[in-house]
Protein backbone atom coordinates (compact mmCIF):
# COMPACT_ATOMS: atom_id res chain seq x y z
CA MET A 1 0.14 0.07 0.01
CA LYS A 2 2.63 1.96 0.85
CA HIS A 3 4.77 1.73 -2.31
CA SER A 4 1.31 2.74 -4.22
CA ILE A 5 1.07 5.81 -2.24
CA ILE A 6 4.30 6.64 -3.87
CA PHE A 7 4.02 5.71 -7.10
CA ALA A 8 1.10 7.49 -7.11
CA VAL A 9 2.75 11.01 -6.15
CA ILE A 10 5.74 10.62 -8.22
CA THR A 11 3.02 9.97 -11.27
CA ALA A 12 1.16 13.40 -10.34
CA LEU A 13 4.63 15.62 -10.11
CA LEU A 14 5.23 14.41 -13.57
CA LEU A 15 2.33 15.30 -14.99
CA MET A 16 2.91 18.50 -13.42
CA ILE A 17 6.40 19.32 -14.70
CA ALA A 18 6.11 17.41 -18.18
CA PRO A 19 3.99 20.28 -19.70
CA SER A 20 6.02 22.98 -17.65
CA GLU A 21 9.10 20.82 -19.68
CA ALA A 22 7.52 20.56 -22.93
CA ALA A 23 6.29 24.27 -23.15
CA ALA A 24 9.66 25.75 -22.14
CA GLN A 25 11.09 23.39 -25.54
CA GLN A 26 8.56 24.89 -27.51
CA THR A 27 8.55 27.05 -30.12
CA TYR A 28 6.08 30.19 -30.69
CA ASP A 29 5.39 32.72 -33.28
CA VAL A 30 4.55 36.50 -31.89
CA ASP A 31 3.84 39.86 -33.64
CA TYR A 32 3.00 43.01 -31.82
CA LYS A 33 2.65 46.44 -32.87
CA GLU A 34 2.34 49.27 -29.56
CA GLN A 35 1.34 46.59 -27.13
CA SER A 36 1.37 47.10 -23.35
CA ILE A 37 3.53 44.83 -21.12
CA GLU A 38 0.30 43.65 -19.67
CA GLN A 39 -1.69 42.97 -23.23
CA ILE A 40 1.68 40.96 -23.86
CA VAL A 41 1.34 38.97 -20.77
CA LYS A 42 -1.85 37.93 -21.35
CA ASP A 43 -1.26 36.52 -24.93
CA LEU A 44 1.86 34.32 -23.63
CA ARG A 45 -0.28 33.06 -20.80
CA LYS A 46 -2.60 32.01 -23.48
CA LYS A 47 0.47 30.67 -26.00
CA THR A 48 2.83 29.26 -23.48
CA GLY A 49 -0.02 28.02 -20.33
CA TYR A 50 2.83 29.44 -18.26
CA GLN A 51 1.53 31.59 -15.14
CA PHE A 52 2.81 35.32 -14.80
CA ALA A 53 3.47 36.65 -11.44
CA TYR A 54 4.24 40.41 -10.78
CA LYS A 55 3.52 43.59 -9.04
CA LYS A 56 1.57 46.29 -11.08
CA GLU A 57 3.79 48.89 -10.45
CA ILE A 58 6.54 47.00 -11.97
CA LEU A 59 4.64 47.26 -15.78
CA GLN A 60 2.97 50.92 -15.16
CA SER A 61 6.28 52.72 -16.35
CA THR A 62 7.54 50.33 -19.34
CA PRO A 63 6.68 51.47 -23.16
CA LEU A 64 4.31 50.06 -25.85
CA ILE A 65 6.09 47.13 -27.56
CA THR A 66 6.25 46.77 -31.53
CA CYS A 67 8.41 43.59 -32.10
CA SER A 68 7.78 40.15 -34.36
CA TYR A 69 9.63 37.21 -33.46
CA LYS A 70 8.88 33.58 -35.44
CA ASN A 71 10.20 30.18 -34.16
CA ALA A 72 11.25 31.96 -30.81
CA THR A 73 11.31 29.72 -27.53
CA LEU A 74 9.74 31.27 -24.22
CA LYS A 75 13.31 32.29 -22.63
CA GLN A 76 14.14 34.07 -26.01
CA LEU A 77 10.93 35.88 -25.84
CA LEU A 78 11.32 36.83 -22.37
CA ASP A 79 14.91 37.65 -23.19
CA ARG A 80 14.11 39.82 -26.35
CA ILE A 81 10.85 41.22 -25.37
CA PHE A 82 10.98 41.97 -21.30
CA TYR A 83 14.49 42.61 -20.67
CA GLU A 84 15.78 44.30 -24.04
CA GLU A 85 12.40 45.83 -24.70
CA ALA A 86 10.87 46.86 -21.38
CA GLY A 87 13.92 46.28 -19.22
CA ILE A 88 12.69 43.71 -16.65
CA ASP A 89 14.59 40.94 -15.28
CA TYR A 90 12.35 37.42 -14.58
CA GLU A 91 12.78 34.21 -13.07
CA ILE A 92 10.87 31.16 -13.89
CA THR A 93 10.14 28.55 -11.32
CA ASN A 94 7.71 25.52 -11.75
CA GLY A 95 5.84 26.61 -14.64
CA THR A 96 5.46 30.47 -13.54
CA VAL A 97 7.64 33.25 -14.67
CA ILE A 98 8.38 36.02 -12.22
CA LEU A 99 8.53 39.25 -13.24
CA LYS A 100 10.48 41.94 -10.58
CA ARG A 101 12.73 44.75 -11.57
CA ALA A 102 15.99 44.89 -12.51
CA THR A 103 18.44 44.93 -9.63
CA LYS A 104 21.54 46.14 -11.73
CA GLU A 105 22.20 48.34 -14.15
CA ARG A 106 22.99 47.13 -17.63
CA PRO A 107 26.40 45.98 -18.44
CA TYR A 108 28.79 47.99 -21.08
CA PHE A 109 28.15 46.38 -23.98
CA LYS A 110 31.55 45.61 -26.20
CA ARG A 111 32.44 43.28 -28.29
CA ILE A 112 32.53 41.62 -31.78
CA VAL A 113 29.53 41.10 -33.46
CA THR A 114 28.98 38.37 -36.41
CA GLY A 115 25.84 38.11 -38.25
CA MET A 116 24.28 36.83 -41.49
CA VAL A 117 21.84 38.69 -43.14
CA THR A 118 19.29 37.02 -45.51
CA ASP A 119 15.97 37.96 -47.53
CA GLN A 120 12.27 36.48 -46.83
CA ASP A 121 13.23 33.23 -48.81
CA ASP A 122 16.41 32.68 -46.42
CA GLU A 123 18.74 33.83 -49.47
CA PRO A 124 21.87 35.65 -48.06
CA LEU A 125 22.07 39.86 -49.11
CA PRO A 126 25.90 40.99 -50.13
CA GLY A 127 25.52 44.49 -50.25
CA VAL A 128 23.73 45.32 -46.58
CA THR A 129 24.60 48.27 -45.07
CA VAL A 130 24.86 47.51 -40.99
CA LEU A 131 25.77 50.69 -39.22
CA VAL A 132 25.61 50.86 -34.92
CA ARG A 133 22.64 53.97 -34.68
CA ASP A 134 24.33 57.18 -33.55
CA THR A 135 28.03 56.58 -34.80
CA LYS A 136 29.58 56.51 -37.79
CA ASP A 137 30.85 52.97 -37.19
CA GLY A 138 29.67 50.29 -40.02
CA VAL A 139 29.95 47.98 -42.27
CA SER A 140 28.76 46.29 -45.65
CA THR A 141 27.47 42.23 -45.94
CA ASP A 142 29.67 40.52 -48.11
CA LEU A 143 28.78 37.67 -51.09
CA GLU A 144 27.21 35.34 -48.51
CA GLY A 145 25.83 38.21 -46.66
CA MET A 146 28.19 37.76 -43.72
CA PHE A 147 29.40 40.72 -41.44
CA SER A 148 31.65 41.56 -38.72
CA LEU A 149 31.86 44.61 -36.57
CA MET A 150 33.21 45.69 -33.36
CA VAL A 151 30.32 47.64 -31.43
CA GLU A 152 30.11 48.84 -27.75
CA GLY A 153 28.18 51.65 -25.59
CA LEU A 154 24.88 51.40 -23.16
CA ASP A 155 21.91 49.39 -25.05
CA PRO A 156 23.43 50.11 -28.74
CA VAL A 157 21.17 49.11 -31.93
CA LEU A 158 22.52 47.94 -35.03
CA ASP A 159 20.48 49.30 -38.33
CA PHE A 160 20.39 47.24 -41.58
CA THR A 161 19.25 49.20 -44.52
CA TYR A 162 19.60 47.74 -48.05
CA ILE A 163 17.73 49.43 -51.28
CA GLY A 164 14.73 47.35 -51.96
CA MET A 165 14.02 46.37 -48.29
CA LYS A 166 12.52 47.75 -45.49
CA PRO A 167 14.93 48.29 -42.93
CA VAL A 168 15.70 46.77 -39.72
CA ALA A 169 16.83 47.87 -36.16
CA LEU A 170 18.40 45.08 -33.58
CA LYS A 171 19.42 45.71 -30.41
CA LEU A 172 21.90 44.10 -28.55
CA SER A 173 22.75 43.17 -25.02
CA SER A 174 24.95 41.08 -22.91
CA ARG A 175 22.29 38.38 -24.05
CA THR A 176 22.81 38.49 -27.73
CA GLU A 177 23.43 35.39 -29.03
CA LYS A 178 27.15 35.19 -30.55
CA LEU A 179 25.75 34.61 -34.44
CA VAL A 180 22.79 36.94 -35.22
CA THR A 181 20.63 36.18 -38.00
CA VAL A 182 19.06 39.22 -39.57
CA LYS A 183 15.79 38.37 -42.19
CA MET A 184 14.85 41.44 -44.52
CA GLU A 185 11.64 41.82 -45.88
CA SER A 186 10.95 43.15 -49.73
CA ASP A 187 9.45 46.96 -49.69
CA THR A 188 7.02 46.48 -52.18
CA LYS A 189 6.45 50.44 -53.06
CA LEU A 190 10.34 50.36 -54.41
CA LEU A 191 9.93 47.42 -56.15
CA ASP A 192 7.47 49.10 -58.69
CA GLU A 193 10.20 51.36 -59.58
CA VAL A 194 11.39 51.47 -63.56
CA LEU A 195 14.98 50.60 -63.68
CA VAL A 196 16.80 52.65 -66.20
CA THR A 197 20.30 51.22 -68.26
CA GLY A 198 20.50 53.44 -70.65
CA TYR A 199 19.59 50.41 -72.96
CA GLN A 200 16.45 49.22 -71.68
CA ASN A 201 13.64 50.27 -68.58
CA ILE A 202 12.90 47.45 -66.65
CA LYS A 203 11.53 46.67 -63.12
CA ARG A 204 13.92 46.10 -60.53
CA GLU A 205 12.71 42.45 -59.76
CA ASN A 206 13.11 41.90 -63.50
CA ALA A 207 16.57 43.42 -63.88
CA THR A 208 19.53 41.21 -63.23
CA GLY A 209 23.19 42.03 -61.66
CA SER A 210 24.41 44.46 -59.68
CA TYR A 211 22.84 48.09 -59.75
CA GLN A 212 21.44 51.06 -57.60
CA LEU A 213 18.66 53.20 -58.10
CA ILE A 214 18.65 57.07 -56.12
CA SER A 215 15.94 59.12 -57.15
CA SER A 216 15.57 63.00 -57.70
CA LYS A 217 13.44 62.91 -53.97
CA THR A 218 16.39 61.08 -52.73
CA LEU A 219 19.18 63.86 -54.37
CA GLU A 220 16.99 66.81 -53.10
CA GLN A 221 17.41 65.88 -49.14
CA ARG A 222 20.62 67.35 -48.96
CA TYR A 223 22.73 70.03 -51.08
CA THR A 224 26.11 69.42 -51.56
CA GLY A 225 27.06 71.30 -55.11
CA ASP A 226 28.15 68.54 -57.54
CA VAL A 227 26.29 65.00 -58.05
CA ALA A 228 29.33 63.03 -57.07
CA SER A 229 29.47 64.30 -53.43
CA ASN A 230 25.90 63.73 -53.27
CA LEU A 231 26.13 60.22 -54.18
CA GLU A 232 28.55 59.29 -52.09
CA GLY A 233 26.99 57.73 -49.34
CA LEU A 234 24.40 56.76 -51.19
CA VAL A 235 25.93 53.65 -52.71
CA PRO A 236 27.71 51.68 -51.47
CA GLY A 237 31.81 51.23 -52.92
CA LEU A 238 31.23 54.70 -54.63
CA VAL A 239 34.16 56.74 -52.85
CA SER A 240 34.71 60.27 -54.90
CA TYR A 241 38.06 61.79 -53.65
CA ASP A 242 40.53 64.89 -54.37
CA SER A 243 43.93 63.59 -55.65
CA GLY A 244 45.18 67.12 -55.86
CA GLU A 245 45.50 66.99 -59.14
CA GLY A 246 41.78 66.33 -59.77
CA LYS A 247 38.99 65.16 -58.53
CA GLY A 248 37.97 61.49 -59.07
CA LEU A 249 35.12 58.65 -59.03
CA THR A 250 35.51 55.09 -58.38
CA ILE A 251 32.56 52.19 -57.76
CA ARG A 252 33.78 48.82 -58.34
CA GLY A 253 37.65 49.87 -56.55
CA ILE A 254 40.89 50.07 -57.60
CA GLY A 255 42.62 47.32 -59.34
CA THR A 256 45.36 49.36 -60.91
CA PHE A 257 47.83 52.19 -60.04
CA GLU A 258 48.10 52.87 -63.77
CA ALA A 259 44.72 53.05 -64.93
CA ASN A 260 41.53 55.19 -65.09
CA THR A 261 39.02 54.56 -62.64
CA THR A 262 36.88 56.91 -63.24
CA PRO A 263 32.79 55.36 -64.17
CA LEU A 264 31.30 55.81 -67.54
CA VAL A 265 28.71 58.20 -67.46
CA VAL A 266 25.02 57.86 -69.78
CA VAL A 267 22.75 60.84 -70.00
CA ASP A 268 19.50 60.57 -71.44
CA GLY A 269 21.00 57.19 -73.39
CA LEU A 270 24.12 58.84 -74.39
CA PRO A 271 27.51 58.37 -72.83
CA VAL A 272 29.26 61.90 -72.11
CA GLU A 273 32.79 63.00 -72.25
CA GLY A 274 32.59 66.09 -69.65
CA GLY A 275 31.69 63.54 -66.40
CA LEU A 276 29.36 64.07 -63.51
CA GLU A 277 31.01 67.50 -63.16
CA SER A 278 29.17 68.31 -66.93
CA VAL A 279 25.48 67.44 -65.19
CA ASN A 280 23.10 70.03 -63.99
CA PRO A 281 22.41 68.53 -60.32
CA TYR A 282 18.59 70.18 -60.51
CA ASN A 283 17.64 68.49 -63.71
CA ILE A 284 18.16 64.92 -62.91
CA GLU A 285 15.34 62.50 -62.47
CA ASN A 286 16.83 59.72 -61.65
CA ILE A 287 20.34 57.67 -61.53
CA THR A 288 21.46 54.23 -62.14
CA VAL A 289 24.17 52.85 -60.62
CA LEU A 290 25.57 49.87 -62.59
CA LYS A 291 27.87 47.93 -61.17
CA ASP A 292 28.97 44.60 -62.55
CA ALA A 293 30.78 43.46 -66.07
CA ALA A 294 26.86 42.78 -67.41
CA ALA A 295 27.02 46.83 -68.55
CA ALA A 296 29.71 45.69 -70.70
CA SER A 297 27.64 43.73 -73.14
CA ILE A 298 26.37 47.41 -74.26
CA TYR A 299 28.76 50.05 -73.56
CA GLY A 300 32.25 48.25 -73.89
CA ALA A 301 35.45 48.43 -72.23
CA ARG A 302 34.93 51.83 -71.23
CA ALA A 303 32.34 49.95 -69.17
CA SER A 304 34.81 48.36 -66.76
CA ASN A 305 35.13 50.79 -64.35
CA GLY A 306 31.07 51.22 -63.91
CA VAL A 307 28.23 52.75 -66.05
CA ILE A 308 26.29 55.92 -64.24
CA VAL A 309 22.98 56.25 -65.99
CA ILE A 310 21.34 59.44 -65.62
CA THR A 311 17.93 61.01 -66.91
CA THR A 312 16.63 63.88 -66.89
CA LYS A 313 13.90 65.57 -66.12
CA ARG A 314 11.04 66.46 -68.59
CA ALA A 315 7.26 68.23 -68.73
CA LYS A 316 4.86 66.55 -67.12
CA SER A 317 2.44 69.23 -67.73
CA GLU A 318 0.29 70.61 -70.60
CA LYS A 319 0.60 73.75 -68.70
CA LEU A 320 4.00 76.18 -68.59
CA GLU A 321 5.75 74.69 -65.42
CA LEU A 322 8.03 77.21 -64.03
CA SER A 323 11.11 76.31 -61.44
CA PHE A 324 13.62 78.53 -59.35
CA SER A 325 15.83 77.39 -56.72
CA ALA A 326 18.48 78.99 -55.36
CA ASP A 327 21.27 77.87 -52.88
CA MET A 328 23.92 78.75 -50.76
CA THR A 329 26.66 77.59 -48.83
CA ILE A 330 29.30 79.23 -46.68
CA ALA A 331 32.26 77.80 -45.52
CA GLU A 332 34.25 79.11 -42.66
CA ARG A 333 38.25 79.59 -43.20
CA PRO A 334 40.59 77.32 -41.89
CA ASP A 335 41.39 77.10 -38.00
CA TYR A 336 44.90 76.39 -37.90
CA ASP A 337 44.71 76.49 -33.81
CA TYR A 338 44.37 72.67 -33.76
CA LEU A 339 47.72 71.92 -35.16
CA GLN A 340 49.08 73.68 -32.13
CA LEU A 341 52.07 75.73 -33.49
CA ALA A 342 54.37 77.59 -31.85
CA ASP A 343 53.65 81.25 -31.88
CA ALA A 344 56.31 83.82 -32.58
CA ALA A 345 57.62 83.99 -28.37
CA GLN A 346 58.30 80.07 -28.67
CA LEU A 347 60.06 79.81 -31.94
CA ILE A 348 62.67 82.22 -30.76
CA GLU A 349 63.23 80.84 -27.47
CA LEU A 350 64.12 78.02 -29.07
CA GLU A 351 66.31 79.27 -31.80
CA ARG A 352 67.96 80.87 -28.76
CA TYR A 353 68.58 77.70 -26.79
CA ASN A 354 69.84 76.16 -29.99
CA TYR A 355 72.02 78.77 -30.81
CA GLN A 356 73.27 78.45 -27.34
CA TYR A 357 73.70 74.39 -27.49
CA VAL A 358 75.76 74.53 -30.24
CA LYS A 359 77.69 77.61 -28.96
CA LYS A 360 78.70 76.07 -25.88
CA ASN A 361 79.31 72.48 -28.20
CA PRO A 362 82.72 70.99 -27.20
CA SER A 363 83.44 70.40 -30.72
CA LYS A 364 82.78 74.32 -32.14
CA SER A 365 82.61 73.25 -36.07
CA ALA A 366 78.81 73.54 -36.14
CA TYR A 367 79.58 76.89 -34.47
CA LYS A 368 82.44 77.65 -37.12
CA SER A 369 79.92 76.72 -39.47
CA LEU A 370 77.59 79.48 -38.49
CA GLN A 371 80.12 82.11 -38.59
CA ASN A 372 80.97 81.03 -41.99
CA ASP A 373 77.90 81.68 -43.21
CA TYR A 374 77.20 84.94 -41.04
CA LYS A 375 80.29 85.96 -42.78
CA ASN A 376 80.11 85.08 -46.84
CA ASN A 377 76.44 84.00 -46.48
CA ARG A 378 73.71 85.27 -44.19
CA GLY A 379 71.08 84.39 -46.52
CA ALA A 380 71.67 80.92 -45.12
CA LEU A 381 70.71 81.68 -41.36
CA SER A 382 67.12 82.76 -40.50
CA PRO A 383 66.63 86.11 -39.07
CA ILE A 384 67.10 85.22 -35.46
CA SER A 385 70.50 83.40 -35.93
CA ARG A 386 72.15 86.85 -37.55
CA ILE A 387 70.91 88.87 -34.52
CA LEU A 388 72.39 86.22 -32.07
CA MET A 389 75.46 86.29 -33.97
CA SER A 390 76.06 89.99 -34.73
CA LYS A 391 75.31 90.32 -30.76
CA ASP A 392 78.41 88.11 -30.48
CA ASN A 393 80.82 89.55 -32.97
CA GLY A 394 80.25 92.54 -31.09
CA GLU A 395 77.99 94.70 -33.96
CA ILE A 396 75.13 95.33 -31.35
CA THR A 397 75.08 95.09 -27.63
CA ALA A 398 73.03 93.28 -25.61
CA ASP A 399 70.26 95.62 -24.72
CA GLU A 400 69.64 96.03 -28.43
CA MET A 401 69.27 92.59 -29.04
CA GLU A 402 67.29 91.98 -26.56
CA ALA A 403 65.13 95.34 -28.03
CA MET A 404 64.75 93.50 -31.74
CA LEU A 405 64.27 90.27 -30.30
CA THR A 406 61.04 91.67 -27.97
CA ARG A 407 59.80 93.56 -31.18
CA LEU A 408 59.57 90.15 -33.22
CA SER A 409 57.84 88.45 -30.53
CA GLN A 410 55.11 90.40 -31.05
CA ASN A 411 54.59 89.51 -34.71
CA ASP A 412 52.08 86.72 -36.24
CA TYR A 413 52.91 86.16 -39.31
CA PHE A 414 50.01 83.22 -39.49
CA SER A 415 47.25 85.36 -39.11
CA GLU A 416 48.60 88.38 -41.37
CA TRP A 417 48.69 85.81 -43.96
CA GLN A 418 45.47 84.10 -43.33
CA ASP A 419 44.09 87.65 -43.35
CA LEU A 420 45.41 88.33 -46.57
CA TRP A 421 44.72 85.25 -48.62
CA GLN A 422 41.81 83.91 -47.05
CA ARG A 423 38.18 84.29 -46.92
CA GLN A 424 34.69 82.79 -46.25
CA GLN A 425 33.92 80.15 -48.97
CA ILE A 426 30.97 81.20 -50.15
CA THR A 427 29.24 79.06 -52.96
CA GLN A 428 26.05 80.11 -54.74
CA GLN A 429 23.78 78.32 -57.59
CA TYR A 430 20.46 79.17 -59.13
CA ASN A 431 18.78 76.81 -61.46
CA LEU A 432 15.62 78.04 -63.52
CA SER A 433 13.48 75.40 -65.34
CA LEU A 434 10.45 75.78 -68.26
CA ARG A 435 8.85 72.61 -69.01
CA ASN A 436 5.74 72.35 -71.53
CA ARG A 437 3.67 69.59 -72.51
CA GLY A 438 2.30 70.54 -76.37
CA ARG A 439 0.56 68.80 -78.65
CA TYR A 440 3.19 67.59 -80.83
CA VAL A 441 7.04 68.73 -78.67
CA ASN A 442 7.64 68.48 -75.16
CA SER A 443 9.65 70.92 -74.05
CA SER A 444 12.32 71.98 -71.21
CA VAL A 445 14.76 74.80 -71.15
CA VAL A 446 16.93 74.65 -68.33
CA LEU A 447 19.74 77.52 -66.93
CA ASN A 448 21.82 77.22 -64.23
CA TYR A 449 24.64 79.33 -63.02
CA LYS A 450 27.22 78.33 -60.18
CA GLY A 451 29.46 80.94 -58.71
CA ASP A 452 32.38 80.06 -56.23
CA ASN A 453 34.70 82.20 -54.85
CA MET A 454 36.87 79.53 -53.75
CA GLY A 455 38.13 80.43 -50.24
CA VAL A 456 40.85 83.04 -51.56
CA SER A 457 41.06 86.20 -52.12
CA ARG A 458 40.72 87.38 -55.89
CA GLU A 459 40.22 83.94 -56.92
CA GLN A 460 36.97 82.91 -58.43
CA ASP A 461 35.44 79.74 -60.38
CA ASN A 462 32.06 80.80 -62.90
CA ILE A 463 29.90 78.19 -64.48
CA LEU A 464 27.11 78.89 -66.44
CA THR A 465 25.16 76.08 -67.97
CA ALA A 466 22.21 76.02 -70.74
CA SER A 467 20.44 73.01 -71.79
CA TYR A 468 17.03 72.30 -74.00
CA ARG A 469 15.55 69.07 -74.30
CA GLY A 470 12.53 68.26 -76.80
CA ASP A 471 10.21 64.81 -77.29
CA MET A 472 8.58 64.49 -80.60
CA GLN A 473 5.91 61.65 -81.58
CA LEU A 474 6.38 61.78 -84.84
CA THR A 475 4.17 58.66 -85.74
CA LYS A 476 2.39 55.87 -83.49
CA TRP A 477 5.76 53.38 -83.90
CA LEU A 478 8.55 56.49 -84.28
CA ASN A 479 9.63 58.85 -81.38
CA LEU A 480 12.52 61.38 -81.56
CA GLU A 481 14.58 62.82 -78.54
CA PHE A 482 16.44 65.61 -78.75
CA GLY A 483 18.46 68.43 -77.30
CA ALA A 484 21.48 70.39 -76.92
CA ASN A 485 23.40 71.43 -73.32
CA ILE A 486 26.36 74.41 -73.55
CA ILE A 487 28.63 74.60 -70.54
CA SER A 488 30.64 77.84 -70.23
CA GLN A 489 33.25 77.97 -67.44
CA ARG A 490 35.69 80.92 -66.53
CA THR A 491 38.04 79.98 -63.54
CA LYS A 492 40.93 82.58 -62.10
CA GLN A 493 43.09 81.05 -59.41
CA HIS A 494 46.87 82.07 -58.17
CA ILE A 495 49.64 79.84 -59.52
CA SER A 496 51.01 78.03 -56.88
CA SER A 497 53.99 79.23 -55.49
CA THR A 498 56.32 77.95 -52.21
CA TYR A 499 56.36 81.81 -50.65
CA ASN A 500 52.65 81.82 -51.44
CA GLU A 501 51.89 78.86 -48.34
CA VAL A 502 50.89 79.97 -44.61
CA PHE A 503 54.21 78.26 -43.72
CA ALA A 504 56.18 79.92 -46.03
CA PHE A 505 57.87 82.32 -43.17
CA ALA A 506 58.44 81.97 -39.56
CA PRO A 507 55.49 83.24 -37.25
CA TYR A 508 57.88 86.11 -35.81
CA GLN A 509 58.07 87.75 -39.19
CA SER A 510 55.71 90.23 -40.68
CA MET A 511 54.46 91.82 -43.47
CA TYR A 512 54.10 95.21 -42.71
CA ASN A 513 56.89 97.95 -41.24
CA ASP A 514 56.02 99.88 -37.57
CA ASP A 515 54.36 102.38 -39.83
CA GLY A 516 52.14 100.08 -41.56
CA THR A 517 53.72 99.82 -45.27
CA PRO A 518 54.80 96.56 -46.63
CA SER A 519 57.86 94.96 -45.40
CA ALA A 520 60.88 94.07 -47.54
CA MET A 521 60.92 90.25 -46.65
CA GLU A 522 63.44 87.65 -47.98
CA ALA A 523 62.10 84.95 -50.61
CA GLY A 524 64.99 83.95 -52.63
CA ALA A 525 68.19 85.82 -52.26
CA TRP A 526 69.83 87.63 -49.37
CA LEU A 527 69.08 91.08 -49.49
CA GLU A 528 72.36 92.39 -48.59
CA LEU A 529 73.97 90.81 -51.25
CA PRO A 530 77.06 92.78 -52.53
CA SER A 531 75.64 92.39 -56.10
CA LEU A 532 72.40 93.61 -55.62
CA LEU A 533 73.68 96.52 -53.46
CA ASN A 534 75.50 97.51 -56.01
CA ASN A 535 73.71 99.98 -58.64
CA GLN A 536 76.44 99.75 -61.51
CA TYR A 537 74.75 95.98 -62.31
CA GLY A 538 71.24 97.34 -62.86
CA LEU A 539 69.90 94.21 -60.73
CA LYS A 540 65.82 94.41 -60.14
CA SER A 541 65.27 94.49 -56.05
CA GLU A 542 64.68 91.09 -54.90
CA ILE A 543 62.39 92.24 -51.93
CA TYR A 544 59.29 89.95 -51.58
CA ASN A 545 56.02 90.48 -50.23
CA PRO A 546 52.91 88.45 -50.19
CA MET A 547 50.46 92.00 -50.20
CA ASP A 548 52.62 92.77 -53.72
CA GLU A 549 52.08 89.28 -55.07
CA ILE A 550 48.56 88.53 -54.51
CA GLY A 551 47.27 90.64 -57.40
CA PHE A 552 49.65 88.85 -59.68
CA ASN A 553 50.61 85.73 -60.98
CA PHE A 554 47.20 84.25 -61.99
CA SER A 555 46.05 81.28 -64.20
CA ARG A 556 42.93 81.59 -66.32
CA LEU A 557 41.01 79.39 -67.65
CA ARG A 558 38.01 79.68 -70.06
CA ASN A 559 36.07 76.16 -70.92
CA THR A 560 33.01 75.78 -73.44
CA ASN A 561 31.30 73.11 -74.08
CA LEU A 562 28.55 71.77 -76.12
CA ARG A 563 26.82 68.62 -76.32
CA SER A 564 24.29 68.12 -79.12
CA TYR A 565 22.43 64.61 -79.64
CA VAL A 566 19.11 63.29 -81.14
CA HIS A 567 17.53 59.94 -80.33
CA ALA A 568 15.44 58.07 -82.31
CA ASN A 569 13.20 55.02 -81.40
CA ALA A 570 11.44 52.81 -83.88
CA GLN A 571 9.04 50.41 -82.41
CA LEU A 572 8.40 48.27 -85.28
CA MET A 573 6.84 44.96 -83.65
CA ASP A 574 5.98 44.02 -79.89
CA GLY A 575 9.10 43.20 -78.17
CA LEU A 576 11.18 44.51 -81.19
CA THR A 577 12.48 48.01 -80.86
CA LEU A 578 15.19 49.96 -83.25
CA SER A 579 17.42 53.32 -81.80
CA GLY A 580 19.32 55.21 -83.22
CA MET A 581 21.61 58.01 -81.42
CA PHE A 582 23.88 60.95 -82.84
């Protein structure tokens, strides 16, 4: 009898525990949109069979929850919803979930996060942008959809974005799995957009190869003055740079040190030689960036660096459309304070220290070299070294030397140079467009002016662009597109010179005499050379002063570019279209 009672008790306990263990291993699908924790508790109690115990005040200050999980265990749901989203700790005991306040602050997160990004069909997504929210840290997924990124901070969040997919945000915590999996869903609104490759117009879902589509609405969200700078950050892998010898652009990376890396630019179906600089940013309807080698099938070897296909705006209404835009950007002068350069007094002190070190050196060879330069070639010595040597040779007294050094220590050549040469860079751009959709011809006229003072005194870069585009439906099967684009550029710049730079002279030197007149500064020669002082030779003065040079030595550029085109499309039958361009 006793054994029967024990067996019955054990059986009852097993029956009580078994459902709880089964529920713990079972997976669930949940989808909550702005639901309170109380509503989520009721739903989980119904789905899992677990009881929830808590005090009402624990749930009062929790935010509304929006999340969606599939095939998640109860523990995963508790971790992600209660601990990560609501900040509520929990404990599971005998089929009951006990909710309680988190007694410890959330730990500082710092580790390398590795994961995989897939689409709704579990296919890997390459090129997905992964960014740590509120930082500039980020990577792109590789061909297998994998990524690895160092993440640190309190409650960090990873943002996943990809053209044609809905963005995904992933919160990280100490309980985040070592390998995270992110699934992105298609954005049906973007799938209806048309992809323009320059030789065909197809829907995005029917396109193959690697491409990126940028609309005019996206481009207008920020002003950069040129198309290349605007595309940077919008197209993964696209980088614009300035090598000092000119601006450049790469899409597919650099595979050689010598070959050209500039992509081919196609405007309204025709390749252009002027690059993106010749395209009016206000007149762009959309841009398609073709990244892979498939573009070479139509454009040949010129497409080896990628292709940027641009479609310009056209008339959409029978009424006259008038649009005017004006943009102005102001950039402050460079701030050299962050370099923490030595001022005049500090540099004088340094030169005096070096001079005394050389003078007291037992070797005496370096000091003898200074004396030799002072006698035969004073132009090789700095102004401070000349003053110190003059005192040692008895040409001036110690009081006179200190007075001269004190006066020089009050100079500030860097500030004088910046006030003379540099100014606020002001770039202004105006755009006027007239469009009309007539009975026979659709016409678009666009005028654009861009002025830039280049941030340097007496320099300028002015560009005037005028363009016309017409569309004519000659017959039901023949369409004609024609247009012209003219660019007139006028540029004025100083020719680069060593003595025009900010660091050409020491900070204790000055462009001005005590009375404010231009001082006699030395550039290429010592001004007290006997040959220069002898009037019999008739040599010209070697005195240099930036105040005199700022009005001379310019390079002027006058450039005019004219591009006209005719594009005929003949649709002979369904599925067969002949196209001719000139």
